[in-house]
Amino acid sequence: MSRYYTDEHEWVDVEGETATVGITDYAQEQLGDIVFVETPEIGAELSQGDDAAVVESVKAASDVYAAVSGTVVEVNDALEDEPALVNSSAEEDGWFFRVTLSDKSELDDLMGEKAYKAFVDGL
């Protein structure tokens, strides 16, 4: 499995033709205590950069963007009852949605782990 990052602080795990998307630890730390997550509809067609989900914290509401284009095939239903999963496990159990990739070349626009760490360190 390969992991990629966006400059909007989303992570993407790619396995075969499926990409799992969530927000990074850095993003959840900036948001604070997360109280609500709205995921996209299964079957939704997303283009890279589209608004895909919403995360609300005690501080603010923020959009989660589609890091890659594709069709939503699964959402993390656990977030409906337990949005704090994003705080406790942002880069594992707190994932938002999965898509079937429509253009794998978009992954070339994303950062690897070292590049993302350097990006965050520069903020």
PDB file of N, CA and C in Angstrom:
ATOM      1  N   MET A   1       0.849  -1.180   0.000  1.00  0.00           N
ATOM      2  CA  MET A   1       0.000   0.000   0.000  1.00  0.00           C
ATOM      3  C   MET A   1       0.892   1.241   0.000  1.00  0.00           C
ATOM      4  N   SER A   2       0.516   2.232  -0.794  1.00  0.00           N
ATOM      5  CA  SER A   2       1.260   3.483  -0.861  1.00  0.00           C
ATOM      6  C   SER A   2       0.434   4.589  -0.225  1.00  0.00           C
ATOM      7  N   ARG A   3       1.107   5.489   0.502  1.00  0.00           N
ATOM      8  CA  ARG A   3       0.422   6.622   1.124  1.00  0.00           C
ATOM      9  C   ARG A   3       0.928   7.919   0.501  1.00  0.00           C
ATOM     10  N   TYR A   4      -0.040   8.801   0.222  1.00  0.00           N
ATOM     11  CA  TYR A   4       0.240  10.108  -0.360  1.00  0.00           C
ATOM     12  C   TYR A   4      -0.426  11.177   0.494  1.00  0.00           C
ATOM     13  N   TYR A   5       0.025  12.437   0.318  1.00  0.00           N
ATOM     14  CA  TYR A   5      -0.517  13.555   1.090  1.00  0.00           C
ATOM     15  C   TYR A   5      -0.785  14.740   0.171  1.00  0.00           C
ATOM     16  N   THR A   6      -1.759  15.577   0.581  1.00  0.00           N
ATOM     17  CA  THR A   6      -2.049  16.802  -0.162  1.00  0.00           C
ATOM     18  C   THR A   6      -1.612  18.016   0.663  1.00  0.00           C
ATOM     19  N   ASP A   7      -1.534  19.169   0.011  1.00  0.00           N
ATOM     20  CA  ASP A   7      -1.203  20.384   0.752  1.00  0.00           C
ATOM     21  C   ASP A   7      -2.403  20.916   1.533  1.00  0.00           C
ATOM     22  N   GLU A   8      -3.540  20.245   1.415  1.00  0.00           N
ATOM     23  CA  GLU A   8      -4.727  20.576   2.223  1.00  0.00           C
ATOM     24  C   GLU A   8      -4.839  19.627   3.418  1.00  0.00           C
ATOM     25  N   HIS A   9      -3.792  18.827   3.636  1.00  0.00           N
ATOM     26  CA  HIS A   9      -3.665  17.937   4.802  1.00  0.00           C
ATOM     27  C   HIS A   9      -4.597  16.732   4.777  1.00  0.00           C
ATOM     28  N   GLU A  10      -4.846  16.217   3.563  1.00  0.00           N
ATOM     29  CA  GLU A  10      -5.509  14.924   3.445  1.00  0.00           C
ATOM     30  C   GLU A  10      -4.435  13.871   3.182  1.00  0.00           C
ATOM     31  N   TRP A  11      -4.704  12.653   3.608  1.00  0.00           N
ATOM     32  CA  TRP A  11      -3.849  11.523   3.250  1.00  0.00           C
ATOM     33  C   TRP A  11      -4.654  10.578   2.361  1.00  0.00           C
ATOM     34  N   VAL A  12      -3.934   9.833   1.539  1.00  0.00           N
ATOM     35  CA  VAL A  12      -4.551   8.883   0.610  1.00  0.00           C
ATOM     36  C   VAL A  12      -3.744   7.588   0.652  1.00  0.00           C
ATOM     37  N   ASP A  13      -4.395   6.507   1.013  1.00  0.00           N
ATOM     38  CA  ASP A  13      -3.776   5.184   0.927  1.00  0.00           C
ATOM     39  C   ASP A  13      -4.302   4.521  -0.333  1.00  0.00           C
ATOM     40  N   VAL A  14      -3.394   4.034  -1.178  1.00  0.00           N
ATOM     41  CA  VAL A  14      -3.793   3.407  -2.429  1.00  0.00           C
ATOM     42  C   VAL A  14      -3.436   1.928  -2.388  1.00  0.00           C
ATOM     43  N   GLU A  15      -4.446   1.122  -2.648  1.00  0.00           N
ATOM     44  CA  GLU A  15      -4.259  -0.312  -2.753  1.00  0.00           C
ATOM     45  C   GLU A  15      -5.001  -0.756  -4.005  1.00  0.00           C
ATOM     46  N   GLY A  16      -4.232  -1.135  -5.032  1.00  0.00           N
ATOM     47  CA  GLY A  16      -4.840  -1.504  -6.303  1.00  0.00           C
ATOM     48  C   GLY A  16      -5.522  -0.303  -6.925  1.00  0.00           C
ATOM     49  N   GLU A  17      -6.824  -0.423  -7.187  1.00  0.00           N
ATOM     50  CA  GLU A  17      -7.588   0.663  -7.806  1.00  0.00           C
ATOM     51  C   GLU A  17      -8.398   1.464  -6.782  1.00  0.00           C
ATOM     52  N   THR A  18      -8.211   1.170  -5.485  1.00  0.00           N
ATOM     53  CA  THR A  18      -8.996   1.819  -4.437  1.00  0.00           C
ATOM     54  C   THR A  18      -8.124   2.752  -3.614  1.00  0.00           C
ATOM     55  N   ALA A  19      -8.668   3.950  -3.354  1.00  0.00           N
ATOM     56  CA  ALA A  19      -7.973   4.930  -2.521  1.00  0.00           C
ATOM     57  C   ALA A  19      -8.831   5.238  -1.297  1.00  0.00           C
ATOM     58  N   THR A  20      -8.217   5.190  -0.128  1.00  0.00           N
ATOM     59  CA  THR A  20      -8.863   5.557   1.128  1.00  0.00           C
ATOM     60  C   THR A  20      -8.368   6.947   1.494  1.00  0.00           C
ATOM     61  N   VAL A  21      -9.307   7.845   1.867  1.00  0.00           N
ATOM     62  CA  VAL A  21      -8.968   9.245   2.123  1.00  0.00           C
ATOM     63  C   VAL A  21      -9.357   9.631   3.548  1.00  0.00           C
ATOM     64  N   GLY A  22      -8.473  10.386   4.186  1.00  0.00           N
ATOM     65  CA  GLY A  22      -8.742  10.925   5.516  1.00  0.00           C
ATOM     66  C   GLY A  22      -7.959  12.206   5.695  1.00  0.00           C
ATOM     67  N   ILE A  23      -8.002  12.760   6.905  1.00  0.00           N
ATOM     68  CA  ILE A  23      -7.198  13.952   7.185  1.00  0.00           C
ATOM     69  C   ILE A  23      -6.023  13.553   8.075  1.00  0.00           C
ATOM     70  N   THR A  24      -4.967  14.334   8.002  1.00  0.00           N
ATOM     71  CA  THR A  24      -3.736  14.007   8.717  1.00  0.00           C
ATOM     72  C   THR A  24      -3.833  14.345  10.205  1.00  0.00           C
ATOM     73  N   ASP A  25      -2.880  13.817  10.962  1.00  0.00           N
ATOM     74  CA  ASP A  25      -2.785  14.167  12.384  1.00  0.00           C
ATOM     75  C   ASP A  25      -2.629  15.677  12.532  1.00  0.00           C
ATOM     76  N   TYR A  26      -1.826  16.275  11.668  1.00  0.00           N
ATOM     77  CA  TYR A  26      -1.636  17.733  11.733  1.00  0.00           C
ATOM     78  C   TYR A  26      -2.976  18.451  11.605  1.00  0.00           C
ATOM     79  N   ALA A  27      -3.792  18.035  10.649  1.00  0.00           N
ATOM     80  CA  ALA A  27      -5.085  18.687  10.423  1.00  0.00           C
ATOM     81  C   ALA A  27      -6.001  18.530  11.629  1.00  0.00           C
ATOM     82  N   GLN A  28      -6.085  17.328  12.195  1.00  0.00           N
ATOM     83  CA  GLN A  28      -6.985  17.138  13.329  1.00  0.00           C
ATOM     84  C   GLN A  28      -6.490  17.914  14.547  1.00  0.00           C
ATOM     85  N   GLU A  29      -5.164  18.065  14.695  1.00  0.00           N
ATOM     86  CA  GLU A  29      -4.637  18.872  15.802  1.00  0.00           C
ATOM     87  C   GLU A  29      -5.034  20.336  15.642  1.00  0.00           C
ATOM     88  N   GLN A  30      -4.992  20.830  14.409  1.00  0.00           N
ATOM     89  CA  GLN A  30      -5.368  22.218  14.143  1.00  0.00           C
ATOM     90  C   GLN A  30      -6.852  22.455  14.397  1.00  0.00           C
ATOM     91  N   LEU A  31      -7.677  21.453  14.091  1.00  0.00           N
ATOM     92  CA  LEU A  31      -9.122  21.587  14.264  1.00  0.00           C
ATOM     93  C   LEU A  31      -9.555  21.491  15.729  1.00  0.00           C
ATOM     94  N   GLY A  32      -8.863  20.703  16.507  1.00  0.00           N
ATOM     95  CA  GLY A  32      -9.278  20.486  17.898  1.00  0.00           C
ATOM     96  C   GLY A  32     -10.304  19.365  17.963  1.00  0.00           C
ATOM     97  N   ASP A  33     -11.114  19.376  19.025  1.00  0.00           N
ATOM     98  CA  ASP A  33     -12.071  18.288  19.252  1.00  0.00           C
ATOM     99  C   ASP A  33     -13.131  18.243  18.158  1.00  0.00           C
ATOM    100  N   ILE A  34     -13.158  17.145  17.424  1.00  0.00           N
ATOM    101  CA  ILE A  34     -14.092  16.987  16.307  1.00  0.00           C
ATOM    102  C   ILE A  34     -15.426  16.474  16.826  1.00  0.00           C
ATOM    103  N   VAL A  35     -16.498  17.169  16.412  1.00  0.00           N
ATOM    104  CA  VAL A  35     -17.835  16.858  16.930  1.00  0.00           C
ATOM    105  C   VAL A  35     -18.795  16.349  15.854  1.00  0.00           C
ATOM    106  N   PHE A  36     -18.428  16.492  14.571  1.00  0.00           N
ATOM    107  CA  PHE A  36     -19.332  16.076  13.491  1.00  0.00           C
ATOM    108  C   PHE A  36     -18.534  15.835  12.221  1.00  0.00           C
ATOM    109  N   VAL A  37     -18.893  14.783  11.498  1.00  0.00           N
ATOM    110  CA  VAL A  37     -18.287  14.496  10.194  1.00  0.00           C
ATOM    111  C   VAL A  37     -19.409  14.171   9.216  1.00  0.00           C
ATOM    112  N   GLU A  38     -19.378  14.814   8.055  1.00  0.00           N
ATOM    113  CA  GLU A  38     -20.320  14.508   6.971  1.00  0.00           C
ATOM    114  C   GLU A  38     -19.515  13.913   5.827  1.00  0.00           C
ATOM    115  N   THR A  39     -19.842  12.686   5.462  1.00  0.00           N
ATOM    116  CA  THR A  39     -19.130  12.001   4.382  1.00  0.00           C
ATOM    117  C   THR A  39     -19.928  12.111   3.085  1.00  0.00           C
ATOM    118  N   PRO A  40     -19.275  11.870   1.947  1.00  0.00           N
ATOM    119  CA  PRO A  40     -20.002  11.928   0.671  1.00  0.00           C
ATOM    120  C   PRO A  40     -20.948  10.735   0.521  1.00  0.00           C
ATOM    121  N   GLU A  41     -21.845  10.829  -0.428  1.00  0.00           N
ATOM    122  CA  GLU A  41     -22.766   9.731  -0.731  1.00  0.00           C
ATOM    123  C   GLU A  41     -22.041   8.632  -1.499  1.00  0.00           C
ATOM    124  N   ILE A  42     -22.346   7.389  -1.197  1.00  0.00           N
ATOM    125  CA  ILE A  42     -21.808   6.282  -1.986  1.00  0.00           C
ATOM    126  C   ILE A  42     -22.340   6.432  -3.417  1.00  0.00           C
ATOM    127  N   GLY A  43     -21.452   6.268  -4.380  1.00  0.00           N
ATOM    128  CA  GLY A  43     -21.813   6.445  -5.779  1.00  0.00           C
ATOM    129  C   GLY A  43     -21.491   7.830  -6.318  1.00  0.00           C
ATOM    130  N   ALA A  44     -21.154   8.775  -5.420  1.00  0.00           N
ATOM    131  CA  ALA A  44     -20.814  10.130  -5.863  1.00  0.00           C
ATOM    132  C   ALA A  44     -19.552  10.094  -6.718  1.00  0.00           C
ATOM    133  N   GLU A  45     -19.567  10.872  -7.799  1.00  0.00           N
ATOM    134  CA  GLU A  45     -18.397  11.013  -8.669  1.00  0.00           C
ATOM    135  C   GLU A  45     -17.633  12.253  -8.218  1.00  0.00           C
ATOM    136  N   LEU A  46     -16.397  12.068  -7.783  1.00  0.00           N
ATOM    137  CA  LEU A  46     -15.582  13.179  -7.310  1.00  0.00           C
ATOM    138  C   LEU A  46     -14.449  13.453  -8.281  1.00  0.00           C
ATOM    139  N   SER A  47     -14.157  14.731  -8.469  1.00  0.00           N
ATOM    140  CA  SER A  47     -12.986  15.138  -9.230  1.00  0.00           C
ATOM    141  C   SER A  47     -11.953  15.670  -8.251  1.00  0.00           C
ATOM    142  N   GLN A  48     -10.691  15.465  -8.574  1.00  0.00           N
ATOM    143  CA  GLN A  48      -9.623  15.927  -7.691  1.00  0.00           C
ATOM    144  C   GLN A  48      -9.840  17.397  -7.343  1.00  0.00           C
ATOM    145  N   GLY A  49      -9.821  17.713  -6.046  1.00  0.00           N
ATOM    146  CA  GLY A  49      -9.997  19.082  -5.581  1.00  0.00           C
ATOM    147  C   GLY A  49     -11.420  19.438  -5.191  1.00  0.00           C
ATOM    148  N   ASP A  50     -12.390  18.589  -5.547  1.00  0.00           N
ATOM    149  CA  ASP A  50     -13.789  18.842  -5.167  1.00  0.00           C
ATOM    150  C   ASP A  50     -13.962  18.796  -3.651  1.00  0.00           C
ATOM    151  N   ASP A  51     -14.958  19.557  -3.153  1.00  0.00           N
ATOM    152  CA  ASP A  51     -15.386  19.386  -1.768  1.00  0.00           C
ATOM    153  C   ASP A  51     -15.993  17.989  -1.670  1.00  0.00           C
ATOM    154  N   ALA A  52     -15.496  17.171  -0.741  1.00  0.00           N
ATOM    155  CA  ALA A  52     -15.973  15.796  -0.653  1.00  0.00           C
ATOM    156  C   ALA A  52     -16.655  15.491   0.668  1.00  0.00           C
ATOM    157  N   ALA A  53     -16.197  16.126   1.734  1.00  0.00           N
ATOM    158  CA  ALA A  53     -16.740  15.856   3.064  1.00  0.00           C
ATOM    159  C   ALA A  53     -16.600  17.124   3.899  1.00  0.00           C
ATOM    160  N   VAL A  54     -17.223  17.096   5.071  1.00  0.00           N
ATOM    161  CA  VAL A  54     -17.137  18.225   5.998  1.00  0.00           C
ATOM    162  C   VAL A  54     -16.767  17.669   7.365  1.00  0.00           C
ATOM    163  N   VAL A  55     -15.884  18.367   8.036  1.00  0.00           N
ATOM    164  CA  VAL A  55     -15.531  18.014   9.411  1.00  0.00           C
ATOM    165  C   VAL A  55     -15.728  19.259  10.262  1.00  0.00           C
ATOM    166  N   GLU A  56     -16.439  19.089  11.383  1.00  0.00           N
ATOM    167  CA  GLU A  56     -16.691  20.210  12.291  1.00  0.00           C
ATOM    168  C   GLU A  56     -16.072  19.908  13.640  1.00  0.00           C
ATOM    169  N   SER A  57     -15.440  20.939  14.185  1.00  0.00           N
ATOM    170  CA  SER A  57     -14.848  20.815  15.508  1.00  0.00           C
ATOM    171  C   SER A  57     -15.421  21.910  16.394  1.00  0.00           C
ATOM    172  N   VAL A  58     -14.993  21.930  17.640  1.00  0.00           N
ATOM    173  CA  VAL A  58     -15.447  22.991  18.533  1.00  0.00           C
ATOM    174  C   VAL A  58     -14.909  24.342  18.081  1.00  0.00           C
ATOM    175  N   LYS A  59     -13.852  24.339  17.250  1.00  0.00           N
ATOM    176  CA  LYS A  59     -13.245  25.578  16.763  1.00  0.00           C
ATOM    177  C   LYS A  59     -13.835  26.061  15.440  1.00  0.00           C
ATOM    178  N   ALA A  60     -14.063  25.134  14.497  1.00  0.00           N
ATOM    179  CA  ALA A  60     -14.416  25.546  13.133  1.00  0.00           C
ATOM    180  C   ALA A  60     -14.961  24.371  12.335  1.00  0.00           C
ATOM    181  N   ALA A  61     -15.534  24.708  11.186  1.00  0.00           N
ATOM    182  CA  ALA A  61     -15.925  23.690  10.202  1.00  0.00           C
ATOM    183  C   ALA A  61     -14.929  23.781   9.054  1.00  0.00           C
ATOM    184  N   SER A  62     -14.623  22.652   8.468  1.00  0.00           N
ATOM    185  CA  SER A  62     -13.647  22.628   7.386  1.00  0.00           C
ATOM    186  C   SER A  62     -14.066  21.616   6.333  1.00  0.00           C
ATOM    187  N   ASP A  63     -13.785  21.950   5.079  1.00  0.00           N
ATOM    188  CA  ASP A  63     -14.044  21.007   3.997  1.00  0.00           C
ATOM    189  C   ASP A  63     -12.906  20.003   3.903  1.00  0.00           C
ATOM    190  N   VAL A  64     -13.247  18.808   3.505  1.00  0.00           N
ATOM    191  CA  VAL A  64     -12.263  17.786   3.159  1.00  0.00           C
ATOM    192  C   VAL A  64     -12.393  17.615   1.655  1.00  0.00           C
ATOM    193  N   TYR A  65     -11.278  17.751   0.963  1.00  0.00           N
ATOM    194  CA  TYR A  65     -11.298  17.739  -0.495  1.00  0.00           C
ATOM    195  C   TYR A  65     -10.979  16.344  -1.035  1.00  0.00           C
ATOM    196  N   ALA A  66     -11.416  16.107  -2.244  1.00  0.00           N
ATOM    197  CA  ALA A  66     -11.084  14.853  -2.927  1.00  0.00           C
ATOM    198  C   ALA A  66      -9.630  14.943  -3.367  1.00  0.00           C
ATOM    199  N   ALA A  67      -8.794  14.143  -2.762  1.00  0.00           N
ATOM    200  CA  ALA A  67      -7.372  14.156  -3.103  1.00  0.00           C
ATOM    201  C   ALA A  67      -7.133  13.564  -4.488  1.00  0.00           C
ATOM    202  N   VAL A  68      -8.062  12.710  -4.904  1.00  0.00           N
ATOM    203  CA  VAL A  68      -7.993  12.053  -6.214  1.00  0.00           C
ATOM    204  C   VAL A  68      -9.408  11.947  -6.781  1.00  0.00           C
ATOM    205  N   SER A  69      -9.501  11.805  -8.084  1.00  0.00           N
ATOM    206  CA  SER A  69     -10.798  11.628  -8.728  1.00  0.00           C
ATOM    207  C   SER A  69     -11.232  10.171  -8.647  1.00  0.00           C
ATOM    208  N   GLY A  70     -12.552   9.978  -8.539  1.00  0.00           N
ATOM    209  CA  GLY A  70     -13.061   8.620  -8.536  1.00  0.00           C
ATOM    210  C   GLY A  70     -14.497   8.554  -8.057  1.00  0.00           C
ATOM    211  N   THR A  71     -15.000   7.344  -7.967  1.00  0.00           N
ATOM    212  CA  THR A  71     -16.360   7.086  -7.514  1.00  0.00           C
ATOM    213  C   THR A  71     -16.315   6.582  -6.078  1.00  0.00           C
ATOM    214  N   VAL A  72     -17.116   7.212  -5.215  1.00  0.00           N
ATOM    215  CA  VAL A  72     -17.157   6.809  -3.809  1.00  0.00           C
ATOM    216  C   VAL A  72     -17.786   5.421  -3.714  1.00  0.00           C
ATOM    217  N   VAL A  73     -17.045   4.492  -3.104  1.00  0.00           N
ATOM    218  CA  VAL A  73     -17.529   3.110  -2.977  1.00  0.00           C
ATOM    219  C   VAL A  73     -17.805   2.725  -1.528  1.00  0.00           C
ATOM    220  N   GLU A  74     -17.301   3.516  -0.583  1.00  0.00           N
ATOM    221  CA  GLU A  74     -17.512   3.208   0.828  1.00  0.00           C
ATOM    222  C   GLU A  74     -17.267   4.461   1.649  1.00  0.00           C
ATOM    223  N   VAL A  75     -18.023   4.610   2.734  1.00  0.00           N
ATOM    224  CA  VAL A  75     -17.788   5.688   3.687  1.00  0.00           C
ATOM    225  C   VAL A  75     -17.609   5.057   5.066  1.00  0.00           C
ATOM    226  N   ASN A  76     -16.963   5.790   5.946  1.00  0.00           N
ATOM    227  CA  ASN A  76     -16.711   5.290   7.294  1.00  0.00           C
ATOM    228  C   ASN A  76     -17.910   5.627   8.171  1.00  0.00           C
ATOM    229  N   ASP A  77     -18.870   4.710   8.246  1.00  0.00           N
ATOM    230  CA  ASP A  77     -20.089   4.927   9.022  1.00  0.00           C
ATOM    231  C   ASP A  77     -19.813   5.126  10.509  1.00  0.00           C
ATOM    232  N   ALA A  78     -18.697   4.633  11.003  1.00  0.00           N
ATOM    233  CA  ALA A  78     -18.364   4.777  12.421  1.00  0.00           C
ATOM    234  C   ALA A  78     -18.243   6.244  12.819  1.00  0.00           C
ATOM    235  N   LEU A  79     -17.893   7.117  11.870  1.00  0.00           N
ATOM    236  CA  LEU A  79     -17.717   8.537  12.180  1.00  0.00           C
ATOM    237  C   LEU A  79     -19.037   9.223  12.516  1.00  0.00           C
ATOM    238  N   GLU A  80     -20.149   8.662  12.041  1.00  0.00           N
ATOM    239  CA  GLU A  80     -21.460   9.250  12.334  1.00  0.00           C
ATOM    240  C   GLU A  80     -21.738   9.220  13.831  1.00  0.00           C
ATOM    241  N   ASP A  81     -21.438   8.087  14.469  1.00  0.00           N
ATOM    242  CA  ASP A  81     -21.677   7.938  15.902  1.00  0.00           C
ATOM    243  C   ASP A  81     -20.486   8.368  16.749  1.00  0.00           C
ATOM    244  N   GLU A  82     -19.306   8.322  16.176  1.00  0.00           N
ATOM    245  CA  GLU A  82     -18.094   8.612  16.938  1.00  0.00           C
ATOM    246  C   GLU A  82     -17.121   9.475  16.129  1.00  0.00           C
ATOM    247  N   PRO A  83     -17.472  10.763  15.900  1.00  0.00           N
ATOM    248  CA  PRO A  83     -16.588  11.625  15.109  1.00  0.00           C
ATOM    249  C   PRO A  83     -15.213  11.822  15.749  1.00  0.00           C
ATOM    250  N   ALA A  84     -15.115  11.619  17.059  1.00  0.00           N
ATOM    251  CA  ALA A  84     -13.835  11.782  17.750  1.00  0.00           C
ATOM    252  C   ALA A  84     -12.801  10.743  17.314  1.00  0.00           C
ATOM    253  N   LEU A  85     -13.230   9.717  16.562  1.00  0.00           N
ATOM    254  CA  LEU A  85     -12.260   8.770  15.984  1.00  0.00           C
ATOM    255  C   LEU A  85     -11.221   9.506  15.155  1.00  0.00           C
ATOM    256  N   VAL A  86     -11.621  10.612  14.552  1.00  0.00           N
ATOM    257  CA  VAL A  86     -10.678  11.390  13.746  1.00  0.00           C
ATOM    258  C   VAL A  86      -9.578  11.952  14.641  1.00  0.00           C
ATOM    259  N   ASN A  87      -9.928  12.350  15.870  1.00  0.00           N
ATOM    260  CA  ASN A  87      -8.910  12.841  16.800  1.00  0.00           C
ATOM    261  C   ASN A  87      -8.011  11.712  17.305  1.00  0.00           C
ATOM    262  N   SER A  88      -8.600  10.596  17.653  1.00  0.00           N
ATOM    263  CA  SER A  88      -7.830   9.520  18.276  1.00  0.00           C
ATOM    264  C   SER A  88      -7.064   8.667  17.275  1.00  0.00           C
ATOM    265  N   SER A  89      -7.523   8.631  16.016  1.00  0.00           N
ATOM    266  CA  SER A  89      -6.887   7.753  15.029  1.00  0.00           C
ATOM    267  C   SER A  89      -7.038   8.332  13.623  1.00  0.00           C
ATOM    268  N   ALA A  90      -6.593   9.580  13.457  1.00  0.00           N
ATOM    269  CA  ALA A  90      -6.811  10.303  12.192  1.00  0.00           C
ATOM    270  C   ALA A  90      -6.291   9.547  10.976  1.00  0.00           C
ATOM    271  N   GLU A  91      -5.155   8.895  11.127  1.00  0.00           N
ATOM    272  CA  GLU A  91      -4.531   8.279   9.953  1.00  0.00           C
ATOM    273  C   GLU A  91      -4.734   6.769   9.891  1.00  0.00           C
ATOM    274  N   GLU A  92      -5.701   6.269  10.660  1.00  0.00           N
ATOM    275  CA  GLU A  92      -6.036   4.847  10.587  1.00  0.00           C
ATOM    276  C   GLU A  92      -7.555   4.670  10.647  1.00  0.00           C
ATOM    277  N   ASP A  93      -8.116   4.496  11.844  1.00  0.00           N
ATOM    278  CA  ASP A  93      -9.554   4.222  11.996  1.00  0.00           C
ATOM    279  C   ASP A  93     -10.440   5.409  11.646  1.00  0.00           C
ATOM    280  N   GLY A  94      -9.882   6.617  11.619  1.00  0.00           N
ATOM    281  CA  GLY A  94     -10.671   7.821  11.353  1.00  0.00           C
ATOM    282  C   GLY A  94     -10.736   8.213   9.888  1.00  0.00           C
ATOM    283  N   TRP A  95     -10.552   7.254   8.986  1.00  0.00           N
ATOM    284  CA  TRP A  95     -10.651   7.551   7.544  1.00  0.00           C
ATOM    285  C   TRP A  95     -12.075   8.011   7.211  1.00  0.00           C
ATOM    286  N   PHE A  96     -12.220   8.744   6.092  1.00  0.00           N
ATOM    287  CA  PHE A  96     -13.513   9.317   5.720  1.00  0.00           C
ATOM    288  C   PHE A  96     -14.243   8.512   4.651  1.00  0.00           C
ATOM    289  N   PHE A  97     -13.559   8.240   3.522  1.00  0.00           N
ATOM    290  CA  PHE A  97     -14.231   7.549   2.419  1.00  0.00           C
ATOM    291  C   PHE A  97     -13.216   6.836   1.539  1.00  0.00           C
ATOM    292  N   ARG A  98     -13.760   5.910   0.717  1.00  0.00           N
ATOM    293  CA  ARG A  98     -12.944   5.185  -0.261  1.00  0.00           C
ATOM    294  C   ARG A  98     -13.519   5.433  -1.648  1.00  0.00           C
ATOM    295  N   VAL A  99     -12.622   5.588  -2.607  1.00  0.00           N
ATOM    296  CA  VAL A  99     -13.035   5.773  -3.999  1.00  0.00           C
ATOM    297  C   VAL A  99     -12.314   4.769  -4.886  1.00  0.00           C
ATOM    298  N   THR A 100     -12.964   4.433  -6.000  1.00  0.00           N
ATOM    299  CA  THR A 100     -12.295   3.704  -7.070  1.00  0.00           C
ATOM    300  C   THR A 100     -11.622   4.763  -7.933  1.00  0.00           C
ATOM    301  N   LEU A 101     -10.325   4.681  -8.055  1.00  0.00           N
ATOM    302  CA  LEU A 101      -9.562   5.692  -8.795  1.00  0.00           C
ATOM    303  C   LEU A 101      -9.974   5.735 -10.258  1.00  0.00           C
ATOM    304  N   SER A 102     -10.146   6.956 -10.770  1.00  0.00           N
ATOM    305  CA  SER A 102     -10.442   7.088 -12.194  1.00  0.00           C
ATOM    306  C   SER A 102      -9.227   7.563 -12.985  1.00  0.00           C
ATOM    307  N   ASP A 103      -8.189   8.104 -12.292  1.00  0.00           N
ATOM    308  CA  ASP A 103      -7.002   8.586 -12.988  1.00  0.00           C
ATOM    309  C   ASP A 103      -5.796   8.470 -12.060  1.00  0.00           C
ATOM    310  N   LYS A 104      -5.112   7.338 -12.126  1.00  0.00           N
ATOM    311  CA  LYS A 104      -3.972   7.097 -11.230  1.00  0.00           C
ATOM    312  C   LYS A 104      -2.852   8.121 -11.409  1.00  0.00           C
ATOM    313  N   SER A 105      -2.784   8.781 -12.565  1.00  0.00           N
ATOM    314  CA  SER A 105      -1.713   9.754 -12.794  1.00  0.00           C
ATOM    315  C   SER A 105      -1.839  10.948 -11.845  1.00  0.00           C
ATOM    316  N   GLU A 106      -3.035  11.174 -11.273  1.00  0.00           N
ATOM    317  CA  GLU A 106      -3.200  12.273 -10.304  1.00  0.00           C
ATOM    318  C   GLU A 106      -2.343  12.068  -9.065  1.00  0.00           C
ATOM    319  N   LEU A 107      -1.980  10.835  -8.778  1.00  0.00           N
ATOM    320  CA  LEU A 107      -1.133  10.559  -7.617  1.00  0.00           C
ATOM    321  C   LEU A 107       0.221  11.239  -7.759  1.00  0.00           C
ATOM    322  N   ASP A 108       0.641  11.500  -8.989  1.00  0.00           N
ATOM    323  CA  ASP A 108       1.922  12.168  -9.236  1.00  0.00           C
ATOM    324  C   ASP A 108       1.918  13.595  -8.698  1.00  0.00           C
ATOM    325  N   ASP A 109       0.723  14.187  -8.513  1.00  0.00           N
ATOM    326  CA  ASP A 109       0.609  15.558  -8.006  1.00  0.00           C
ATOM    327  C   ASP A 109       0.695  15.621  -6.480  1.00  0.00           C
ATOM    328  N   LEU A 110       0.672  14.466  -5.817  1.00  0.00           N
ATOM    329  CA  LEU A 110       0.640  14.428  -4.362  1.00  0.00           C
ATOM    330  C   LEU A 110       2.037  14.224  -3.781  1.00  0.00           C
ATOM    331  N   MET A 111       2.163  14.461  -2.478  1.00  0.00           N
ATOM    332  CA  MET A 111       3.452  14.336  -1.795  1.00  0.00           C
ATOM    333  C   MET A 111       3.594  12.969  -1.136  1.00  0.00           C
ATOM    334  N   GLY A 112       4.824  12.521  -1.034  1.00  0.00           N
ATOM    335  CA  GLY A 112       5.149  11.356  -0.228  1.00  0.00           C
ATOM    336  C   GLY A 112       5.313  11.787   1.222  1.00  0.00           C
ATOM    337  N   GLU A 113       5.600  10.838   2.093  1.00  0.00           N
ATOM    338  CA  GLU A 113       5.685  11.132   3.528  1.00  0.00           C
ATOM    339  C   GLU A 113       6.780  12.151   3.860  1.00  0.00           C
ATOM    340  N   LYS A 114       7.960  12.003   3.273  1.00  0.00           N
ATOM    341  CA  LYS A 114       9.061  12.935   3.574  1.00  0.00           C
ATOM    342  C   LYS A 114       8.728  14.346   3.104  1.00  0.00           C
ATOM    343  N   ALA A 115       8.171  14.452   1.916  1.00  0.00           N
ATOM    344  CA  ALA A 115       7.822  15.774   1.380  1.00  0.00           C
ATOM    345  C   ALA A 115       6.730  16.425   2.228  1.00  0.00           C
ATOM    346  N   TYR A 116       5.755  15.624   2.670  1.00  0.00           N
ATOM    347  CA  TYR A 116       4.680  16.182   3.498  1.00  0.00           C
ATOM    348  C   TYR A 116       5.224  16.653   4.848  1.00  0.00           C
ATOM    349  N   LYS A 117       6.113  15.867   5.437  1.00  0.00           N
ATOM    350  CA  LYS A 117       6.706  16.258   6.730  1.00  0.00           C
ATOM    351  C   LYS A 117       7.452  17.586   6.560  1.00  0.00           C
ATOM    352  N   ALA A 118       8.235  17.726   5.491  1.00  0.00           N
ATOM    353  CA  ALA A 118       8.962  18.968   5.240  1.00  0.00           C
ATOM    354  C   ALA A 118       7.978  20.124   5.029  1.00  0.00           C
ATOM    355  N   PHE A 119       6.867  19.858   4.319  1.00  0.00           N
ATOM    356  CA  PHE A 119       5.832  20.872   4.090  1.00  0.00           C
ATOM    357  C   PHE A 119       5.261  21.362   5.425  1.00  0.00           C
ATOM    358  N   VAL A 120       4.893  20.428   6.305  1.00  0.00           N
ATOM    359  CA  VAL A 120       4.320  20.789   7.610  1.00  0.00           C
ATOM    360  C   VAL A 120       5.356  21.518   8.469  1.00  0.00           C
ATOM    361  N   ASP A 121       6.596  21.061   8.438  1.00  0.00           N
ATOM    362  CA  ASP A 121       7.634  21.716   9.226  1.00  0.00           C
ATOM    363  C   ASP A 121       7.849  23.160   8.793  1.00  0.00           C
ATOM    364  N   GLY A 122       7.541  23.464   7.530  1.00  0.00           N
ATOM    365  CA  GLY A 122       7.707  24.811   7.015  1.00  0.00           C
ATOM    366  C   GLY A 122       6.528  25.733   7.283  1.00  0.00           C
ATOM    367  N   LEU A 123       5.469  25.215   7.894  1.00  0.00           N
ATOM    368  CA  LEU A 123       4.277  26.045   8.160  1.00  0.00           C
ATOM    369  C   LEU A 123       4.453  26.898   9.405  1.00  0.00           C
TER     370      LEU A 123
END
